[in-house]
Amino acid sequence: MDMQYIRIAARLAYTDSFESIFDPLPDEMIEKYDVVYIRHFICVMQSGDPMPLLSILMKLLKPGGYLQWQEWDISTNTLVVAKTTGAAAAAWHLR
């Protein structure tokens, strides 16, 4: 294994969390992250509309940051990754 990769991965392995996405975000988390990774987020979506939650998540990102969103589609047994078109692109403009 490449030791340089291990050193880089160790520096990047950082997580932060909060109790509930529905609670107001702490000020220290606003525009703090280069990347926000979410998975199985569809489970907490209300009314089938991702826009309220996406707009909250976008506030976590630094300008130019990335939101990586993955969901598992049990009907096709595949991983679904959101593309930056449609609703996802619209959420970007909510910032």
PDB file of N, CA and C in Angstrom:
ATOM      1  N   MET A   1       0.845  -1.177   0.000  1.00  0.00           N
ATOM      2  CA  MET A   1       0.000   0.000   0.000  1.00  0.00           C
ATOM      3  C   MET A   1       0.889   1.238   0.000  1.00  0.00           C
ATOM      4  N   ASP A   2       0.475   2.236  -0.740  1.00  0.00           N
ATOM      5  CA  ASP A   2       1.195   3.506  -0.841  1.00  0.00           C
ATOM      6  C   ASP A   2       1.037   4.294   0.461  1.00  0.00           C
ATOM      7  N   MET A   3       2.136   4.508   1.169  1.00  0.00           N
ATOM      8  CA  MET A   3       2.086   5.203   2.459  1.00  0.00           C
ATOM      9  C   MET A   3       1.666   6.660   2.300  1.00  0.00           C
ATOM     10  N   GLN A   4       1.994   7.265   1.154  1.00  0.00           N
ATOM     11  CA  GLN A   4       1.571   8.648   0.919  1.00  0.00           C
ATOM     12  C   GLN A   4       0.041   8.724   0.901  1.00  0.00           C
ATOM     13  N   TYR A   5      -0.603   7.746   0.276  1.00  0.00           N
ATOM     14  CA  TYR A   5      -2.065   7.697   0.252  1.00  0.00           C
ATOM     15  C   TYR A   5      -2.619   7.614   1.671  1.00  0.00           C
ATOM     16  N   ILE A   6      -2.014   6.799   2.514  1.00  0.00           N
ATOM     17  CA  ILE A   6      -2.485   6.639   3.891  1.00  0.00           C
ATOM     18  C   ILE A   6      -2.374   7.954   4.652  1.00  0.00           C
ATOM     19  N   ARG A   7      -1.268   8.675   4.465  1.00  0.00           N
ATOM     20  CA  ARG A   7      -1.100   9.961   5.155  1.00  0.00           C
ATOM     21  C   ARG A   7      -2.143  10.974   4.693  1.00  0.00           C
ATOM     22  N   ILE A   8      -2.403  11.016   3.389  1.00  0.00           N
ATOM     23  CA  ILE A   8      -3.405  11.949   2.860  1.00  0.00           C
ATOM     24  C   ILE A   8      -4.792  11.563   3.367  1.00  0.00           C
ATOM     25  N   ALA A   9      -5.124  10.284   3.302  1.00  0.00           N
ATOM     26  CA  ALA A   9      -6.439   9.821   3.750  1.00  0.00           C
ATOM     27  C   ALA A   9      -6.643  10.116   5.235  1.00  0.00           C
ATOM     28  N   ALA A  10      -5.604   9.976   6.035  1.00  0.00           N
ATOM     29  CA  ALA A  10      -5.723  10.246   7.469  1.00  0.00           C
ATOM     30  C   ALA A  10      -6.036  11.716   7.719  1.00  0.00           C
ATOM     31  N   ARG A  11      -5.440  12.607   6.932  1.00  0.00           N
ATOM     32  CA  ARG A  11      -5.719  14.037   7.093  1.00  0.00           C
ATOM     33  C   ARG A  11      -7.134  14.376   6.653  1.00  0.00           C
ATOM     34  N   LEU A  12      -7.646  13.661   5.667  1.00  0.00           N
ATOM     35  CA  LEU A  12      -8.967  13.957   5.126  1.00  0.00           C
ATOM     36  C   LEU A  12     -10.094  13.284   5.903  1.00  0.00           C
ATOM     37  N   ALA A  13      -9.770  12.314   6.712  1.00  0.00           N
ATOM     38  CA  ALA A  13     -10.795  11.566   7.447  1.00  0.00           C
ATOM     39  C   ALA A  13     -11.285  12.402   8.626  1.00  0.00           C
ATOM     40  N   TYR A  14     -12.212  13.276   8.344  1.00  0.00           N
ATOM     41  CA  TYR A  14     -12.743  14.178   9.358  1.00  0.00           C
ATOM     42  C   TYR A  14     -14.254  14.155   9.262  1.00  0.00           C
ATOM     43  N   THR A  15     -14.894  14.030  10.370  1.00  0.00           N
ATOM     44  CA  THR A  15     -16.353  14.066  10.361  1.00  0.00           C
ATOM     45  C   THR A  15     -16.853  15.037  11.413  1.00  0.00           C
ATOM     46  N   ASP A  16     -17.979  15.560  11.144  1.00  0.00           N
ATOM     47  CA  ASP A  16     -18.676  16.430  12.067  1.00  0.00           C
ATOM     48  C   ASP A  16     -20.131  15.997  11.987  1.00  0.00           C
ATOM     49  N   SER A  17     -20.858  16.186  13.025  1.00  0.00           N
ATOM     50  CA  SER A  17     -22.258  15.783  12.962  1.00  0.00           C
ATOM     51  C   SER A  17     -23.085  16.695  13.855  1.00  0.00           C
ATOM     52  N   PHE A  18     -24.383  16.598  13.683  1.00  0.00           N
ATOM     53  CA  PHE A  18     -25.304  17.339  14.528  1.00  0.00           C
ATOM     54  C   PHE A  18     -26.521  16.468  14.753  1.00  0.00           C
ATOM     55  N   GLU A  19     -27.308  16.831  15.724  1.00  0.00           N
ATOM     56  CA  GLU A  19     -28.433  16.002  16.149  1.00  0.00           C
ATOM     57  C   GLU A  19     -29.479  15.778  15.063  1.00  0.00           C
ATOM     58  N   SER A  20     -29.942  16.849  14.455  1.00  0.00           N
ATOM     59  CA  SER A  20     -31.031  16.724  13.493  1.00  0.00           C
ATOM     60  C   SER A  20     -30.876  17.750  12.382  1.00  0.00           C
ATOM     61  N   ILE A  21     -31.088  17.317  11.164  1.00  0.00           N
ATOM     62  CA  ILE A  21     -31.033  18.228  10.021  1.00  0.00           C
ATOM     63  C   ILE A  21     -32.170  19.240  10.081  1.00  0.00           C
ATOM     64  N   PHE A  22     -33.193  18.945  10.868  1.00  0.00           N
ATOM     65  CA  PHE A  22     -34.344  19.846  10.971  1.00  0.00           C
ATOM     66  C   PHE A  22     -34.139  20.955  12.006  1.00  0.00           C
ATOM     67  N   ASP A  23     -33.106  20.819  12.845  1.00  0.00           N
ATOM     68  CA  ASP A  23     -32.775  21.874  13.806  1.00  0.00           C
ATOM     69  C   ASP A  23     -31.965  22.958  13.102  1.00  0.00           C
ATOM     70  N   PRO A  24     -31.994  24.187  13.614  1.00  0.00           N
ATOM     71  CA  PRO A  24     -31.159  25.237  13.017  1.00  0.00           C
ATOM     72  C   PRO A  24     -29.682  24.839  13.063  1.00  0.00           C
ATOM     73  N   LEU A  25     -28.963  25.156  11.997  1.00  0.00           N
ATOM     74  CA  LEU A  25     -27.539  24.833  11.944  1.00  0.00           C
ATOM     75  C   LEU A  25     -26.757  25.749  12.879  1.00  0.00           C
ATOM     76  N   PRO A  26     -25.786  25.199  13.597  1.00  0.00           N
ATOM     77  CA  PRO A  26     -24.916  26.059  14.402  1.00  0.00           C
ATOM     78  C   PRO A  26     -24.122  26.991  13.478  1.00  0.00           C
ATOM     79  N   ASP A  27     -23.917  28.225  13.894  1.00  0.00           N
ATOM     80  CA  ASP A  27     -23.199  29.201  13.072  1.00  0.00           C
ATOM     81  C   ASP A  27     -21.822  28.707  12.650  1.00  0.00           C
ATOM     82  N   GLU A  28     -21.148  27.963  13.529  1.00  0.00           N
ATOM     83  CA  GLU A  28     -19.794  27.504  13.207  1.00  0.00           C
ATOM     84  C   GLU A  28     -19.767  26.456  12.096  1.00  0.00           C
ATOM     85  N   MET A  29     -20.927  25.939  11.695  1.00  0.00           N
ATOM     86  CA  MET A  29     -20.972  24.951  10.614  1.00  0.00           C
ATOM     87  C   MET A  29     -21.317  25.571   9.261  1.00  0.00           C
ATOM     88  N   ILE A  30     -21.751  26.814   9.243  1.00  0.00           N
ATOM     89  CA  ILE A  30     -22.127  27.472   7.992  1.00  0.00           C
ATOM     90  C   ILE A  30     -20.876  27.730   7.161  1.00  0.00           C
ATOM     91  N   GLU A  31     -20.918  27.303   5.892  1.00  0.00           N
ATOM     92  CA  GLU A  31     -19.814  27.458   4.933  1.00  0.00           C
ATOM     93  C   GLU A  31     -18.490  26.949   5.491  1.00  0.00           C
ATOM     94  N   LYS A  32     -18.529  25.820   6.180  1.00  0.00           N
ATOM     95  CA  LYS A  32     -17.330  25.252   6.798  1.00  0.00           C
ATOM     96  C   LYS A  32     -16.688  24.159   5.949  1.00  0.00           C
ATOM     97  N   TYR A  33     -17.445  23.508   5.082  1.00  0.00           N
ATOM     98  CA  TYR A  33     -16.988  22.272   4.458  1.00  0.00           C
ATOM     99  C   TYR A  33     -16.762  22.402   2.959  1.00  0.00           C
ATOM    100  N   ASP A  34     -15.711  21.738   2.494  1.00  0.00           N
ATOM    101  CA  ASP A  34     -15.450  21.643   1.059  1.00  0.00           C
ATOM    102  C   ASP A  34     -16.342  20.579   0.430  1.00  0.00           C
ATOM    103  N   VAL A  35     -16.610  19.519   1.186  1.00  0.00           N
ATOM    104  CA  VAL A  35     -17.429  18.404   0.703  1.00  0.00           C
ATOM    105  C   VAL A  35     -18.389  17.989   1.814  1.00  0.00           C
ATOM    106  N   VAL A  36     -19.643  17.782   1.445  1.00  0.00           N
ATOM    107  CA  VAL A  36     -20.633  17.205   2.352  1.00  0.00           C
ATOM    108  C   VAL A  36     -21.115  15.920   1.686  1.00  0.00           C
ATOM    109  N   TYR A  37     -20.975  14.806   2.379  1.00  0.00           N
ATOM    110  CA  TYR A  37     -21.365  13.499   1.855  1.00  0.00           C
ATOM    111  C   TYR A  37     -22.583  13.014   2.630  1.00  0.00           C
ATOM    112  N   ILE A  38     -23.638  12.704   1.899  1.00  0.00           N
ATOM    113  CA  ILE A  38     -24.842  12.167   2.533  1.00  0.00           C
ATOM    114  C   ILE A  38     -25.212  10.849   1.867  1.00  0.00           C
ATOM    115  N   ARG A  39     -25.815   9.990   2.645  1.00  0.00           N
ATOM    116  CA  ARG A  39     -26.230   8.680   2.145  1.00  0.00           C
ATOM    117  C   ARG A  39     -27.517   8.301   2.859  1.00  0.00           C
ATOM    118  N   HIS A  40     -28.422   7.663   2.141  1.00  0.00           N
ATOM    119  CA  HIS A  40     -29.727   7.250   2.680  1.00  0.00           C
ATOM    120  C   HIS A  40     -30.500   8.447   3.230  1.00  0.00           C
ATOM    121  N   PHE A  41     -30.328   9.574   2.611  1.00  0.00           N
ATOM    122  CA  PHE A  41     -30.956  10.805   3.062  1.00  0.00           C
ATOM    123  C   PHE A  41     -32.427  10.851   2.688  1.00  0.00           C
ATOM    124  N   ILE A  42     -32.805  10.069   1.701  1.00  0.00           N
ATOM    125  CA  ILE A  42     -34.201  10.031   1.262  1.00  0.00           C
ATOM    126  C   ILE A  42     -35.113   9.560   2.399  1.00  0.00           C
ATOM    127  N   CYS A  43     -34.534   8.844   3.352  1.00  0.00           N
ATOM    128  CA  CYS A  43     -35.315   8.331   4.489  1.00  0.00           C
ATOM    129  C   CYS A  43     -35.867   9.445   5.372  1.00  0.00           C
ATOM    130  N   VAL A  44     -35.231  10.615   5.368  1.00  0.00           N
ATOM    131  CA  VAL A  44     -35.684  11.703   6.239  1.00  0.00           C
ATOM    132  C   VAL A  44     -36.408  12.806   5.473  1.00  0.00           C
ATOM    133  N   MET A  45     -36.551  12.613   4.171  1.00  0.00           N
ATOM    134  CA  MET A  45     -37.236  13.610   3.361  1.00  0.00           C
ATOM    135  C   MET A  45     -38.715  13.666   3.729  1.00  0.00           C
ATOM    136  N   GLN A  46     -39.254  14.863   3.827  1.00  0.00           N
ATOM    137  CA  GLN A  46     -40.668  15.027   4.147  1.00  0.00           C
ATOM    138  C   GLN A  46     -41.426  15.440   2.891  1.00  0.00           C
ATOM    139  N   SER A  47     -42.587  14.883   2.682  1.00  0.00           N
ATOM    140  CA  SER A  47     -43.458  15.203   1.545  1.00  0.00           C
ATOM    141  C   SER A  47     -42.824  14.870   0.202  1.00  0.00           C
ATOM    142  N   GLY A  48     -41.772  14.070   0.191  1.00  0.00           N
ATOM    143  CA  GLY A  48     -41.128  13.699  -1.061  1.00  0.00           C
ATOM    144  C   GLY A  48     -40.398  14.842  -1.745  1.00  0.00           C
ATOM    145  N   ASP A  49     -40.242  15.964  -1.073  1.00  0.00           N
ATOM    146  CA  ASP A  49     -39.599  17.138  -1.660  1.00  0.00           C
ATOM    147  C   ASP A  49     -38.211  17.320  -1.043  1.00  0.00           C
ATOM    148  N   PRO A  50     -37.139  17.117  -1.819  1.00  0.00           N
ATOM    149  CA  PRO A  50     -35.790  17.242  -1.263  1.00  0.00           C
ATOM    150  C   PRO A  50     -35.308  18.686  -1.106  1.00  0.00           C
ATOM    151  N   MET A  51     -35.989  19.647  -1.719  1.00  0.00           N
ATOM    152  CA  MET A  51     -35.478  21.020  -1.760  1.00  0.00           C
ATOM    153  C   MET A  51     -35.247  21.655  -0.387  1.00  0.00           C
ATOM    154  N   PRO A  52     -36.154  21.536   0.589  1.00  0.00           N
ATOM    155  CA  PRO A  52     -35.864  22.146   1.898  1.00  0.00           C
ATOM    156  C   PRO A  52     -34.587  21.590   2.538  1.00  0.00           C
ATOM    157  N   LEU A  53     -34.401  20.277   2.454  1.00  0.00           N
ATOM    158  CA  LEU A  53     -33.202  19.683   3.038  1.00  0.00           C
ATOM    159  C   LEU A  53     -31.956  20.015   2.233  1.00  0.00           C
ATOM    160  N   LEU A  54     -32.070  20.027   0.912  1.00  0.00           N
ATOM    161  CA  LEU A  54     -30.916  20.381   0.088  1.00  0.00           C
ATOM    162  C   LEU A  54     -30.463  21.810   0.349  1.00  0.00           C
ATOM    163  N   SER A  55     -31.396  22.709   0.542  1.00  0.00           N
ATOM    164  CA  SER A  55     -31.009  24.099   0.802  1.00  0.00           C
ATOM    165  C   SER A  55     -30.271  24.213   2.137  1.00  0.00           C
ATOM    166  N   ILE A  56     -30.650  23.403   3.124  1.00  0.00           N
ATOM    167  CA  ILE A  56     -29.931  23.389   4.404  1.00  0.00           C
ATOM    168  C   ILE A  56     -28.524  22.839   4.206  1.00  0.00           C
ATOM    169  N   LEU A  57     -28.417  21.736   3.485  1.00  0.00           N
ATOM    170  CA  LEU A  57     -27.105  21.132   3.247  1.00  0.00           C
ATOM    171  C   LEU A  57     -26.183  22.064   2.475  1.00  0.00           C
ATOM    172  N   MET A  58     -26.733  22.807   1.530  1.00  0.00           N
ATOM    173  CA  MET A  58     -25.916  23.723   0.738  1.00  0.00           C
ATOM    174  C   MET A  58     -25.311  24.819   1.611  1.00  0.00           C
ATOM    175  N   LYS A  59     -25.971  25.167   2.692  1.00  0.00           N
ATOM    176  CA  LYS A  59     -25.434  26.187   3.610  1.00  0.00           C
ATOM    177  C   LYS A  59     -24.168  25.705   4.313  1.00  0.00           C
ATOM    178  N   LEU A  60     -23.995  24.394   4.421  1.00  0.00           N
ATOM    179  CA  LEU A  60     -22.801  23.842   5.055  1.00  0.00           C
ATOM    180  C   LEU A  60     -21.558  24.014   4.190  1.00  0.00           C
ATOM    181  N   LEU A  61     -21.757  24.130   2.876  1.00  0.00           N
ATOM    182  CA  LEU A  61     -20.638  24.142   1.938  1.00  0.00           C
ATOM    183  C   LEU A  61     -19.975  25.501   1.814  1.00  0.00           C
ATOM    184  N   LYS A  62     -18.647  25.455   1.700  1.00  0.00           N
ATOM    185  CA  LYS A  62     -17.903  26.658   1.330  1.00  0.00           C
ATOM    186  C   LYS A  62     -18.268  26.988  -0.112  1.00  0.00           C
ATOM    187  N   PRO A  63     -18.085  28.236  -0.542  1.00  0.00           N
ATOM    188  CA  PRO A  63     -18.322  28.548  -1.959  1.00  0.00           C
ATOM    189  C   PRO A  63     -17.476  27.623  -2.844  1.00  0.00           C
ATOM    190  N   GLY A  64     -18.113  27.030  -3.834  1.00  0.00           N
ATOM    191  CA  GLY A  64     -17.426  26.091  -4.724  1.00  0.00           C
ATOM    192  C   GLY A  64     -17.342  24.680  -4.169  1.00  0.00           C
ATOM    193  N   GLY A  65     -17.966  24.433  -2.994  1.00  0.00           N
ATOM    194  CA  GLY A  65     -17.917  23.106  -2.387  1.00  0.00           C
ATOM    195  C   GLY A  65     -18.807  22.106  -3.114  1.00  0.00           C
ATOM    196  N   TYR A  66     -18.688  20.847  -2.721  1.00  0.00           N
ATOM    197  CA  TYR A  66     -19.405  19.765  -3.386  1.00  0.00           C
ATOM    198  C   TYR A  66     -20.319  19.027  -2.417  1.00  0.00           C
ATOM    199  N   LEU A  67     -21.492  18.682  -2.916  1.00  0.00           N
ATOM    200  CA  LEU A  67     -22.415  17.823  -2.188  1.00  0.00           C
ATOM    201  C   LEU A  67     -22.407  16.469  -2.883  1.00  0.00           C
ATOM    202  N   GLN A  68     -21.992  15.434  -2.178  1.00  0.00           N
ATOM    203  CA  GLN A  68     -21.996  14.073  -2.711  1.00  0.00           C
ATOM    204  C   GLN A  68     -23.157  13.334  -2.068  1.00  0.00           C
ATOM    205  N   TRP A  69     -24.123  12.920  -2.889  1.00  0.00           N
ATOM    206  CA  TRP A  69     -25.340  12.298  -2.378  1.00  0.00           C
ATOM    207  C   TRP A  69     -25.514  10.944  -3.040  1.00  0.00           C
ATOM    208  N   GLN A  70     -25.612   9.906  -2.233  1.00  0.00           N
ATOM    209  CA  GLN A  70     -25.820   8.561  -2.753  1.00  0.00           C
ATOM    210  C   GLN A  70     -27.028   7.929  -2.079  1.00  0.00           C
ATOM    211  N   GLU A  71     -27.811   7.244  -2.878  1.00  0.00           N
ATOM    212  CA  GLU A  71     -28.960   6.488  -2.377  1.00  0.00           C
ATOM    213  C   GLU A  71     -28.916   5.093  -2.993  1.00  0.00           C
ATOM    214  N   TRP A  72     -29.491   4.138  -2.318  1.00  0.00           N
ATOM    215  CA  TRP A  72     -29.565   2.778  -2.815  1.00  0.00           C
ATOM    216  C   TRP A  72     -30.967   2.535  -3.358  1.00  0.00           C
ATOM    217  N   ASP A  73     -31.037   2.141  -4.632  1.00  0.00           N
ATOM    218  CA  ASP A  73     -32.317   1.827  -5.269  1.00  0.00           C
ATOM    219  C   ASP A  73     -32.559   0.327  -5.123  1.00  0.00           C
ATOM    220  N   ILE A  74     -33.435  -0.039  -4.195  1.00  0.00           N
ATOM    221  CA  ILE A  74     -33.656  -1.467  -3.943  1.00  0.00           C
ATOM    222  C   ILE A  74     -34.388  -2.152  -5.093  1.00  0.00           C
ATOM    223  N   SER A  75     -35.084  -1.378  -5.922  1.00  0.00           N
ATOM    224  CA  SER A  75     -35.814  -2.001  -7.033  1.00  0.00           C
ATOM    225  C   SER A  75     -34.870  -2.497  -8.125  1.00  0.00           C
ATOM    226  N   THR A  76     -33.717  -1.841  -8.271  1.00  0.00           N
ATOM    227  CA  THR A  76     -32.749  -2.257  -9.292  1.00  0.00           C
ATOM    228  C   THR A  76     -31.441  -2.737  -8.677  1.00  0.00           C
ATOM    229  N   ASN A  77     -31.350  -2.668  -7.343  1.00  0.00           N
ATOM    230  CA  ASN A  77     -30.144  -3.075  -6.636  1.00  0.00           C
ATOM    231  C   ASN A  77     -28.909  -2.313  -7.126  1.00  0.00           C
ATOM    232  N   THR A  78     -29.077  -1.003  -7.301  1.00  0.00           N
ATOM    233  CA  THR A  78     -27.974  -0.165  -7.768  1.00  0.00           C
ATOM    234  C   THR A  78     -27.840   1.073  -6.885  1.00  0.00           C
ATOM    235  N   LEU A  79     -26.662   1.656  -6.933  1.00  0.00           N
ATOM    236  CA  LEU A  79     -26.392   2.902  -6.229  1.00  0.00           C
ATOM    237  C   LEU A  79     -26.789   4.059  -7.129  1.00  0.00           C
ATOM    238  N   VAL A  80     -27.547   4.993  -6.599  1.00  0.00           N
ATOM    239  CA  VAL A  80     -28.004   6.152  -7.361  1.00  0.00           C
ATOM    240  C   VAL A  80     -27.238   7.371  -6.859  1.00  0.00           C
ATOM    241  N   VAL A  81     -26.636   8.108  -7.788  1.00  0.00           N
ATOM    242  CA  VAL A  81     -25.887   9.309  -7.446  1.00  0.00           C
ATOM    243  C   VAL A  81     -26.559  10.493  -8.112  1.00  0.00           C
ATOM    244  N   ALA A  82     -26.849  11.534  -7.337  1.00  0.00           N
ATOM    245  CA  ALA A  82     -27.503  12.727  -7.885  1.00  0.00           C
ATOM    246  C   ALA A  82     -26.566  13.444  -8.843  1.00  0.00           C
ATOM    247  N   LYS A  83     -27.106  13.916  -9.932  1.00  0.00           N
ATOM    248  CA  LYS A  83     -26.346  14.689 -10.910  1.00  0.00           C
ATOM    249  C   LYS A  83     -26.660  16.165 -10.699  1.00  0.00           C
ATOM    250  N   THR A  84     -25.787  17.042 -11.161  1.00  0.00           N
ATOM    251  CA  THR A  84     -26.009  18.479 -10.973  1.00  0.00           C
ATOM    252  C   THR A  84     -26.870  19.046 -12.096  1.00  0.00           C
ATOM    253  N   THR A  85     -28.054  18.476 -12.230  1.00  0.00           N
ATOM    254  CA  THR A  85     -29.047  18.984 -13.172  1.00  0.00           C
ATOM    255  C   THR A  85     -30.384  19.005 -12.451  1.00  0.00           C
ATOM    256  N   GLY A  86     -31.339  19.657 -13.015  1.00  0.00           N
ATOM    257  CA  GLY A  86     -32.684  19.659 -12.444  1.00  0.00           C
ATOM    258  C   GLY A  86     -32.727  20.206 -11.037  1.00  0.00           C
ATOM    259  N   ALA A  87     -33.332  19.449 -10.123  1.00  0.00           N
ATOM    260  CA  ALA A  87     -33.528  19.907  -8.744  1.00  0.00           C
ATOM    261  C   ALA A  87     -32.206  20.132  -8.026  1.00  0.00           C
ATOM    262  N   ALA A  88     -31.212  19.274  -8.294  1.00  0.00           N
ATOM    263  CA  ALA A  88     -29.919  19.446  -7.625  1.00  0.00           C
ATOM    264  C   ALA A  88     -29.257  20.745  -8.058  1.00  0.00           C
ATOM    265  N   ALA A  89     -29.327  21.057  -9.333  1.00  0.00           N
ATOM    266  CA  ALA A  89     -28.758  22.314  -9.822  1.00  0.00           C
ATOM    267  C   ALA A  89     -29.530  23.499  -9.263  1.00  0.00           C
ATOM    268  N   ALA A  90     -30.835  23.365  -9.164  1.00  0.00           N
ATOM    269  CA  ALA A  90     -31.658  24.444  -8.605  1.00  0.00           C
ATOM    270  C   ALA A  90     -31.295  24.683  -7.145  1.00  0.00           C
ATOM    271  N   ALA A  91     -31.006  23.622  -6.407  1.00  0.00           N
ATOM    272  CA  ALA A  91     -30.627  23.767  -5.002  1.00  0.00           C
ATOM    273  C   ALA A  91     -29.328  24.552  -4.879  1.00  0.00           C
ATOM    274  N   TRP A  92     -28.425  24.346  -5.825  1.00  0.00           N
ATOM    275  CA  TRP A  92     -27.151  25.069  -5.803  1.00  0.00           C
ATOM    276  C   TRP A  92     -27.396  26.573  -5.860  1.00  0.00           C
ATOM    277  N   HIS A  93     -28.395  26.979  -6.617  1.00  0.00           N
ATOM    278  CA  HIS A  93     -28.684  28.399  -6.779  1.00  0.00           C
ATOM    279  C   HIS A  93     -29.437  28.985  -5.588  1.00  0.00           C
ATOM    280  N   LEU A  94     -29.843  28.151  -4.642  1.00  0.00           N
ATOM    281  CA  LEU A  94     -30.509  28.638  -3.435  1.00  0.00           C
ATOM    282  C   LEU A  94     -29.526  29.261  -2.457  1.00  0.00           C
ATOM    283  N   ARG A  95     -28.238  29.024  -2.663  1.00  0.00           N
ATOM    284  CA  ARG A  95     -27.214  29.497  -1.728  1.00  0.00           C
ATOM    285  C   ARG A  95     -27.155  30.979  -1.655  1.00  0.00           C
TER     286      ARG A  95
END
